[in-house]
Amino acid sequence: MTSVEHFGTNADETSNREYCAFCYAGGEFTDDCTMDEMIEHCVQYLDGFNQENEQQFTREQAIAEMQKFFPTLKRWAAKQ
């Protein structure tokens, strides 16, 4: 996340630098889902990601990378 609009917001609308704007707004997670459900949601945007980045991922590669990365995020690490 590189700019303030990418960050989520706390209940008092201040910026929350631990979570992105898509996942966290107003002090709450935007979706009540499992990590696997979040990965399935995120992989829907793979075409857009691939258009904006040099490295291209297949669906399977993207899922594998998210399965490695997501458990390191605070939201999911707390549930491990």
PDB file of N, CA and C in Angstrom:
ATOM      1  N   MET A   1       0.858  -1.161   0.000  1.00  0.00           N
ATOM      2  CA  MET A   1       0.000   0.000   0.000  1.00  0.00           C
ATOM      3  C   MET A   1       0.904   1.223   0.000  1.00  0.00           C
ATOM      4  N   THR A   2       0.656   2.097  -0.911  1.00  0.00           N
ATOM      5  CA  THR A   2       1.577   3.212  -1.098  1.00  0.00           C
ATOM      6  C   THR A   2       0.967   4.588  -0.867  1.00  0.00           C
ATOM      7  N   SER A   3      -0.339   4.698  -0.788  1.00  0.00           N
ATOM      8  CA  SER A   3      -0.933   6.006  -0.544  1.00  0.00           C
ATOM      9  C   SER A   3      -2.067   5.883   0.467  1.00  0.00           C
ATOM     10  N   VAL A   4      -2.430   6.996   1.068  1.00  0.00           N
ATOM     11  CA  VAL A   4      -3.384   7.008   2.167  1.00  0.00           C
ATOM     12  C   VAL A   4      -4.731   6.395   1.782  1.00  0.00           C
ATOM     13  N   GLU A   5      -5.151   6.527   0.549  1.00  0.00           N
ATOM     14  CA  GLU A   5      -6.446   5.961   0.161  1.00  0.00           C
ATOM     15  C   GLU A   5      -6.426   4.436   0.091  1.00  0.00           C
ATOM     16  N   HIS A   6      -5.238   3.855   0.097  1.00  0.00           N
ATOM     17  CA  HIS A   6      -5.127   2.395   0.105  1.00  0.00           C
ATOM     18  C   HIS A   6      -5.364   1.808   1.497  1.00  0.00           C
ATOM     19  N   PHE A   7      -5.205   2.618   2.538  1.00  0.00           N
ATOM     20  CA  PHE A   7      -5.321   2.136   3.903  1.00  0.00           C
ATOM     21  C   PHE A   7      -6.767   2.144   4.381  1.00  0.00           C
ATOM     22  N   GLY A   8      -7.099   1.177   5.233  1.00  0.00           N
ATOM     23  CA  GLY A   8      -8.413   1.130   5.841  1.00  0.00           C
ATOM     24  C   GLY A   8      -8.606   2.268   6.824  1.00  0.00           C
ATOM     25  N   THR A   9      -9.791   2.331   7.409  1.00  0.00           N
ATOM     26  CA  THR A   9     -10.088   3.382   8.384  1.00  0.00           C
ATOM     27  C   THR A   9     -10.566   2.779   9.695  1.00  0.00           C
ATOM     28  N   ASN A  10     -10.220   3.455  10.786  1.00  0.00           N
ATOM     29  CA  ASN A  10     -10.685   3.080  12.117  1.00  0.00           C
ATOM     30  C   ASN A  10     -12.100   3.603  12.322  1.00  0.00           C
ATOM     31  N   ALA A  11     -12.702   3.259  13.457  1.00  0.00           N
ATOM     32  CA  ALA A  11     -14.065   3.698  13.759  1.00  0.00           C
ATOM     33  C   ALA A  11     -14.183   5.213  13.764  1.00  0.00           C
ATOM     34  N   ASP A  12     -13.105   5.911  14.151  1.00  0.00           N
ATOM     35  CA  ASP A  12     -13.129   7.381  14.169  1.00  0.00           C
ATOM     36  C   ASP A  12     -12.693   7.985  12.832  1.00  0.00           C
ATOM     37  N   GLU A  13     -12.616   7.131  11.803  1.00  0.00           N
ATOM     38  CA  GLU A  13     -12.262   7.507  10.432  1.00  0.00           C
ATOM     39  C   GLU A  13     -10.784   7.890  10.237  1.00  0.00           C
ATOM     40  N   THR A  14      -9.955   7.681  11.252  1.00  0.00           N
ATOM     41  CA  THR A  14      -8.520   7.869  11.055  1.00  0.00           C
ATOM     42  C   THR A  14      -7.985   6.699  10.243  1.00  0.00           C
ATOM     43  N   SER A  15      -6.856   6.922   9.609  1.00  0.00           N
ATOM     44  CA  SER A  15      -6.248   5.905   8.775  1.00  0.00           C
ATOM     45  C   SER A  15      -5.735   4.738   9.619  1.00  0.00           C
ATOM     46  N   ASN A  16      -5.942   3.533   9.122  1.00  0.00           N
ATOM     47  CA  ASN A  16      -5.442   2.328   9.769  1.00  0.00           C
ATOM     48  C   ASN A  16      -4.412   1.708   8.838  1.00  0.00           C
ATOM     49  N   ARG A  17      -3.163   1.723   9.224  1.00  0.00           N
ATOM     50  CA  ARG A  17      -2.083   1.257   8.356  1.00  0.00           C
ATOM     51  C   ARG A  17      -1.840  -0.250   8.424  1.00  0.00           C
ATOM     52  N   GLU A  18      -2.669  -0.951   9.173  1.00  0.00           N
ATOM     53  CA  GLU A  18      -2.522  -2.406   9.260  1.00  0.00           C
ATOM     54  C   GLU A  18      -3.362  -3.149   8.231  1.00  0.00           C
ATOM     55  N   TYR A  19      -4.402  -2.495   7.733  1.00  0.00           N
ATOM     56  CA  TYR A  19      -5.327  -3.143   6.813  1.00  0.00           C
ATOM     57  C   TYR A  19      -5.624  -2.242   5.619  1.00  0.00           C
ATOM     58  N   CYS A  20      -5.939  -2.864   4.494  1.00  0.00           N
ATOM     59  CA  CYS A  20      -6.241  -2.081   3.294  1.00  0.00           C
ATOM     60  C   CYS A  20      -7.683  -1.593   3.309  1.00  0.00           C
ATOM     61  N   ALA A  21      -7.963  -0.627   2.461  1.00  0.00           N
ATOM     62  CA  ALA A  21      -9.290  -0.014   2.372  1.00  0.00           C
ATOM     63  C   ALA A  21     -10.352  -1.006   1.901  1.00  0.00           C
ATOM     64  N   PHE A  22      -9.948  -2.014   1.161  1.00  0.00           N
ATOM     65  CA  PHE A  22     -10.910  -3.002   0.678  1.00  0.00           C
ATOM     66  C   PHE A  22     -11.330  -3.967   1.790  1.00  0.00           C
ATOM     67  N   CYS A  23     -10.449  -4.161   2.780  1.00  0.00           N
ATOM     68  CA  CYS A  23     -10.699  -5.142   3.842  1.00  0.00           C
ATOM     69  C   CYS A  23     -11.224  -4.530   5.132  1.00  0.00           C
ATOM     70  N   TYR A  24     -10.938  -3.254   5.365  1.00  0.00           N
ATOM     71  CA  TYR A  24     -11.216  -2.676   6.680  1.00  0.00           C
ATOM     72  C   TYR A  24     -11.716  -1.249   6.526  1.00  0.00           C
ATOM     73  N   ALA A  25     -12.910  -0.984   7.044  1.00  0.00           N
ATOM     74  CA  ALA A  25     -13.494   0.361   6.951  1.00  0.00           C
ATOM     75  C   ALA A  25     -14.328   0.627   8.200  1.00  0.00           C
ATOM     76  N   GLY A  26     -14.174   1.813   8.738  1.00  0.00           N
ATOM     77  CA  GLY A  26     -14.951   2.201   9.906  1.00  0.00           C
ATOM     78  C   GLY A  26     -14.677   1.353  11.137  1.00  0.00           C
ATOM     79  N   GLY A  27     -13.479   0.786  11.203  1.00  0.00           N
ATOM     80  CA  GLY A  27     -13.100  -0.009  12.365  1.00  0.00           C
ATOM     81  C   GLY A  27     -13.542  -1.452  12.325  1.00  0.00           C
ATOM     82  N   GLU A  28     -14.021  -1.911  11.168  1.00  0.00           N
ATOM     83  CA  GLU A  28     -14.487  -3.288  11.034  1.00  0.00           C
ATOM     84  C   GLU A  28     -14.034  -3.878   9.708  1.00  0.00           C
ATOM     85  N   PHE A  29     -13.898  -5.206   9.688  1.00  0.00           N
ATOM     86  CA  PHE A  29     -13.607  -5.871   8.423  1.00  0.00           C
ATOM     87  C   PHE A  29     -14.832  -5.764   7.529  1.00  0.00           C
ATOM     88  N   THR A  30     -14.614  -5.542   6.258  1.00  0.00           N
ATOM     89  CA  THR A  30     -15.723  -5.358   5.321  1.00  0.00           C
ATOM     90  C   THR A  30     -16.427  -6.669   5.001  1.00  0.00           C
ATOM     91  N   ASP A  31     -15.720  -7.786   5.126  1.00  0.00           N
ATOM     92  CA  ASP A  31     -16.305  -9.107   4.870  1.00  0.00           C
ATOM     93  C   ASP A  31     -15.943 -10.047   6.001  1.00  0.00           C
ATOM     94  N   ASP A  32     -16.914 -10.829   6.431  1.00  0.00           N
ATOM     95  CA  ASP A  32     -16.671 -11.874   7.407  1.00  0.00           C
ATOM     96  C   ASP A  32     -16.430 -13.151   6.616  1.00  0.00           C
ATOM     97  N   CYS A  33     -15.164 -13.476   6.420  1.00  0.00           N
ATOM     98  CA  CYS A  33     -14.837 -14.616   5.588  1.00  0.00           C
ATOM     99  C   CYS A  33     -13.585 -15.309   6.112  1.00  0.00           C
ATOM    100  N   THR A  34     -13.370 -16.503   5.602  1.00  0.00           N
ATOM    101  CA  THR A  34     -12.159 -17.235   5.943  1.00  0.00           C
ATOM    102  C   THR A  34     -11.034 -16.760   5.035  1.00  0.00           C
ATOM    103  N   MET A  35      -9.822 -17.161   5.364  1.00  0.00           N
ATOM    104  CA  MET A  35      -8.688 -16.802   4.521  1.00  0.00           C
ATOM    105  C   MET A  35      -8.863 -17.412   3.123  1.00  0.00           C
ATOM    106  N   ASP A  36      -9.311 -18.648   3.051  1.00  0.00           N
ATOM    107  CA  ASP A  36      -9.506 -19.277   1.741  1.00  0.00           C
ATOM    108  C   ASP A  36     -10.575 -18.556   0.928  1.00  0.00           C
ATOM    109  N   GLU A  37     -11.633 -18.103   1.590  1.00  0.00           N
ATOM    110  CA  GLU A  37     -12.664 -17.335   0.882  1.00  0.00           C
ATOM    111  C   GLU A  37     -12.097 -16.008   0.382  1.00  0.00           C
ATOM    112  N   MET A  38     -11.226 -15.380   1.174  1.00  0.00           N
ATOM    113  CA  MET A  38     -10.607 -14.126   0.741  1.00  0.00           C
ATOM    114  C   MET A  38      -9.693 -14.355  -0.457  1.00  0.00           C
ATOM    115  N   ILE A  39      -8.965 -15.449  -0.454  1.00  0.00           N
ATOM    116  CA  ILE A  39      -8.098 -15.766  -1.595  1.00  0.00           C
ATOM    117  C   ILE A  39      -8.941 -15.948  -2.852  1.00  0.00           C
ATOM    118  N   GLU A  40     -10.035 -16.682  -2.745  1.00  0.00           N
ATOM    119  CA  GLU A  40     -10.923 -16.870  -3.900  1.00  0.00           C
ATOM    120  C   GLU A  40     -11.482 -15.545  -4.382  1.00  0.00           C
ATOM    121  N   HIS A  41     -11.793 -14.660  -3.464  1.00  0.00           N
ATOM    122  CA  HIS A  41     -12.282 -13.329  -3.830  1.00  0.00           C
ATOM    123  C   HIS A  41     -11.193 -12.549  -4.561  1.00  0.00           C
ATOM    124  N   CYS A  42     -10.002 -12.545  -4.014  1.00  0.00           N
ATOM    125  CA  CYS A  42      -8.909 -11.751  -4.578  1.00  0.00           C
ATOM    126  C   CYS A  42      -8.464 -12.252  -5.949  1.00  0.00           C
ATOM    127  N   VAL A  43      -8.504 -13.551  -6.166  1.00  0.00           N
ATOM    128  CA  VAL A  43      -8.024 -14.091  -7.436  1.00  0.00           C
ATOM    129  C   VAL A  43      -8.926 -13.655  -8.596  1.00  0.00           C
ATOM    130  N   GLN A  44     -10.130 -13.196  -8.290  1.00  0.00           N
ATOM    131  CA  GLN A  44     -11.018 -12.670  -9.333  1.00  0.00           C
ATOM    132  C   GLN A  44     -10.412 -11.453 -10.031  1.00  0.00           C
ATOM    133  N   TYR A  45      -9.493 -10.774  -9.360  1.00  0.00           N
ATOM    134  CA  TYR A  45      -8.894  -9.552  -9.882  1.00  0.00           C
ATOM    135  C   TYR A  45      -7.521  -9.795 -10.510  1.00  0.00           C
ATOM    136  N   LEU A  46      -7.213 -11.041 -10.790  1.00  0.00           N
ATOM    137  CA  LEU A  46      -5.900 -11.407 -11.327  1.00  0.00           C
ATOM    138  C   LEU A  46      -5.616 -10.748 -12.674  1.00  0.00           C
ATOM    139  N   ASP A  47      -6.585 -10.683 -13.544  1.00  0.00           N
ATOM    140  CA  ASP A  47      -6.352 -10.067 -14.861  1.00  0.00           C
ATOM    141  C   ASP A  47      -5.909  -8.619 -14.715  1.00  0.00           C
ATOM    142  N   GLY A  48      -6.564  -7.874 -13.860  1.00  0.00           N
ATOM    143  CA  GLY A  48      -6.178  -6.480 -13.625  1.00  0.00           C
ATOM    144  C   GLY A  48      -4.793  -6.380 -13.021  1.00  0.00           C
ATOM    145  N   PHE A  49      -4.486  -7.258 -12.076  1.00  0.00           N
ATOM    146  CA  PHE A  49      -3.154  -7.288 -11.470  1.00  0.00           C
ATOM    147  C   PHE A  49      -2.105  -7.563 -12.542  1.00  0.00           C
ATOM    148  N   ASN A  50      -2.352  -8.564 -13.375  1.00  0.00           N
ATOM    149  CA  ASN A  50      -1.387  -8.926 -14.411  1.00  0.00           C
ATOM    150  C   ASN A  50      -1.184  -7.788 -15.415  1.00  0.00           C
ATOM    151  N   GLN A  51      -2.206  -7.012 -15.679  1.00  0.00           N
ATOM    152  CA  GLN A  51      -2.084  -5.888 -16.610  1.00  0.00           C
ATOM    153  C   GLN A  51      -1.194  -4.786 -16.048  1.00  0.00           C
ATOM    154  N   GLU A  52      -1.164  -4.658 -14.732  1.00  0.00           N
ATOM    155  CA  GLU A  52      -0.438  -3.564 -14.091  1.00  0.00           C
ATOM    156  C   GLU A  52       0.970  -3.942 -13.638  1.00  0.00           C
ATOM    157  N   ASN A  53       1.355  -5.199 -13.801  1.00  0.00           N
ATOM    158  CA  ASN A  53       2.649  -5.658 -13.294  1.00  0.00           C
ATOM    159  C   ASN A  53       3.415  -6.429 -14.349  1.00  0.00           C
ATOM    160  N   GLU A  54       4.729  -6.368 -14.256  1.00  0.00           N
ATOM    161  CA  GLU A  54       5.579  -7.090 -15.201  1.00  0.00           C
ATOM    162  C   GLU A  54       5.436  -8.591 -15.039  1.00  0.00           C
ATOM    163  N   GLN A  55       5.456  -9.063 -13.798  1.00  0.00           N
ATOM    164  CA  GLN A  55       5.349 -10.490 -13.550  1.00  0.00           C
ATOM    165  C   GLN A  55       3.910 -10.930 -13.737  1.00  0.00           C
ATOM    166  N   GLN A  56       3.709 -11.923 -14.557  1.00  0.00           N
ATOM    167  CA  GLN A  56       2.382 -12.444 -14.840  1.00  0.00           C
ATOM    168  C   GLN A  56       2.180 -13.749 -14.074  1.00  0.00           C
ATOM    169  N   PHE A  57       1.019 -13.904 -13.466  1.00  0.00           N
ATOM    170  CA  PHE A  57       0.697 -15.095 -12.700  1.00  0.00           C
ATOM    171  C   PHE A  57      -0.456 -15.849 -13.352  1.00  0.00           C
ATOM    172  N   THR A  58      -0.378 -17.164 -13.340  1.00  0.00           N
ATOM    173  CA  THR A  58      -1.554 -17.960 -13.673  1.00  0.00           C
ATOM    174  C   THR A  58      -2.442 -17.951 -12.435  1.00  0.00           C
ATOM    175  N   ARG A  59      -3.663 -18.406 -12.577  1.00  0.00           N
ATOM    176  CA  ARG A  59      -4.576 -18.489 -11.444  1.00  0.00           C
ATOM    177  C   ARG A  59      -3.958 -19.345 -10.332  1.00  0.00           C
ATOM    178  N   GLU A  60      -3.392 -20.483 -10.730  1.00  0.00           N
ATOM    179  CA  GLU A  60      -2.808 -21.404  -9.757  1.00  0.00           C
ATOM    180  C   GLU A  60      -1.611 -20.782  -9.045  1.00  0.00           C
ATOM    181  N   GLN A  61      -0.767 -20.069  -9.784  1.00  0.00           N
ATOM    182  CA  GLN A  61       0.394 -19.407  -9.179  1.00  0.00           C
ATOM    183  C   GLN A  61      -0.050 -18.323  -8.200  1.00  0.00           C
ATOM    184  N   ALA A  62      -1.055 -17.546  -8.587  1.00  0.00           N
ATOM    185  CA  ALA A  62      -1.543 -16.471  -7.725  1.00  0.00           C
ATOM    186  C   ALA A  62      -2.106 -17.045  -6.425  1.00  0.00           C
ATOM    187  N   ILE A  63      -2.886 -18.097  -6.536  1.00  0.00           N
ATOM    188  CA  ILE A  63      -3.452 -18.728  -5.338  1.00  0.00           C
ATOM    189  C   ILE A  63      -2.333 -19.249  -4.445  1.00  0.00           C
ATOM    190  N   ALA A  64      -1.345 -19.894  -5.021  1.00  0.00           N
ATOM    191  CA  ALA A  64      -0.222 -20.429  -4.240  1.00  0.00           C
ATOM    192  C   ALA A  64       0.531 -19.310  -3.522  1.00  0.00           C
ATOM    193  N   GLU A  65       0.741 -18.184  -4.195  1.00  0.00           N
ATOM    194  CA  GLU A  65       1.435 -17.052  -3.572  1.00  0.00           C
ATOM    195  C   GLU A  65       0.608 -16.460  -2.434  1.00  0.00           C
ATOM    196  N   MET A  66      -0.697 -16.334  -2.645  1.00  0.00           N
ATOM    197  CA  MET A  66      -1.558 -15.806  -1.584  1.00  0.00           C
ATOM    198  C   MET A  66      -1.612 -16.760  -0.398  1.00  0.00           C
ATOM    199  N   GLN A  67      -1.594 -18.071  -0.669  1.00  0.00           N
ATOM    200  CA  GLN A  67      -1.608 -19.042   0.422  1.00  0.00           C
ATOM    201  C   GLN A  67      -0.335 -18.949   1.272  1.00  0.00           C
ATOM    202  N   LYS A  68       0.750 -18.512   0.675  1.00  0.00           N
ATOM    203  CA  LYS A  68       1.994 -18.302   1.433  1.00  0.00           C
ATOM    204  C   LYS A  68       1.983 -16.959   2.155  1.00  0.00           C
ATOM    205  N   PHE A  69       1.463 -15.919   1.487  1.00  0.00           N
ATOM    206  CA  PHE A  69       1.543 -14.556   2.008  1.00  0.00           C
ATOM    207  C   PHE A  69       0.461 -14.234   3.038  1.00  0.00           C
ATOM    208  N   PHE A  70      -0.763 -14.608   2.778  1.00  0.00           N
ATOM    209  CA  PHE A  70      -1.868 -14.220   3.658  1.00  0.00           C
ATOM    210  C   PHE A  70      -1.666 -14.620   5.113  1.00  0.00           C
ATOM    211  N   PRO A  71      -1.130 -15.813   5.403  1.00  0.00           N
ATOM    212  CA  PRO A  71      -0.933 -16.165   6.822  1.00  0.00           C
ATOM    213  C   PRO A  71       0.030 -15.236   7.556  1.00  0.00           C
ATOM    214  N   THR A  72       0.797 -14.440   6.842  1.00  0.00           N
ATOM    215  CA  THR A  72       1.715 -13.491   7.486  1.00  0.00           C
ATOM    216  C   THR A  72       1.019 -12.186   7.833  1.00  0.00           C
ATOM    217  N   LEU A  73      -0.172 -11.953   7.299  1.00  0.00           N
ATOM    218  CA  LEU A  73      -0.919 -10.734   7.572  1.00  0.00           C
ATOM    219  C   LEU A  73      -1.591 -10.832   8.943  1.00  0.00           C
ATOM    220  N   LYS A  74      -1.659  -9.715   9.636  1.00  0.00           N
ATOM    221  CA  LYS A  74      -2.192  -9.685  10.995  1.00  0.00           C
ATOM    222  C   LYS A  74      -3.578 -10.330  11.094  1.00  0.00           C
ATOM    223  N   ARG A  75      -4.443 -10.043  10.155  1.00  0.00           N
ATOM    224  CA  ARG A  75      -5.803 -10.590  10.200  1.00  0.00           C
ATOM    225  C   ARG A  75      -5.802 -12.109  10.268  1.00  0.00           C
ATOM    226  N   TRP A  76      -4.954 -12.735   9.471  1.00  0.00           N
ATOM    227  CA  TRP A  76      -4.954 -14.179   9.372  1.00  0.00           C
ATOM    228  C   TRP A  76      -3.956 -14.813  10.344  1.00  0.00           C
ATOM    229  N   ALA A  77      -2.884 -14.135  10.674  1.00  0.00           N
ATOM    230  CA  ALA A  77      -1.889 -14.684  11.592  1.00  0.00           C
ATOM    231  C   ALA A  77      -2.513 -14.920  12.970  1.00  0.00           C
ATOM    232  N   ALA A  78      -3.422 -14.053  13.362  1.00  0.00           N
ATOM    233  CA  ALA A  78      -4.070 -14.178  14.669  1.00  0.00           C
ATOM    234  C   ALA A  78      -4.943 -15.431  14.749  1.00  0.00           C
ATOM    235  N   LYS A  79      -5.343 -15.961  13.600  1.00  0.00           N
ATOM    236  CA  LYS A  79      -6.227 -17.129  13.576  1.00  0.00           C
ATOM    237  C   LYS A  79      -5.469 -18.430  13.369  1.00  0.00           C
ATOM    238  N   GLN A  80      -4.164 -18.351  13.235  1.00  0.00           N
ATOM    239  CA  GLN A  80      -3.345 -19.554  13.005  1.00  0.00           C
ATOM    240  C   GLN A  80      -3.010 -20.254  14.280  1.00  0.00           C
TER     241      GLN A  80
END
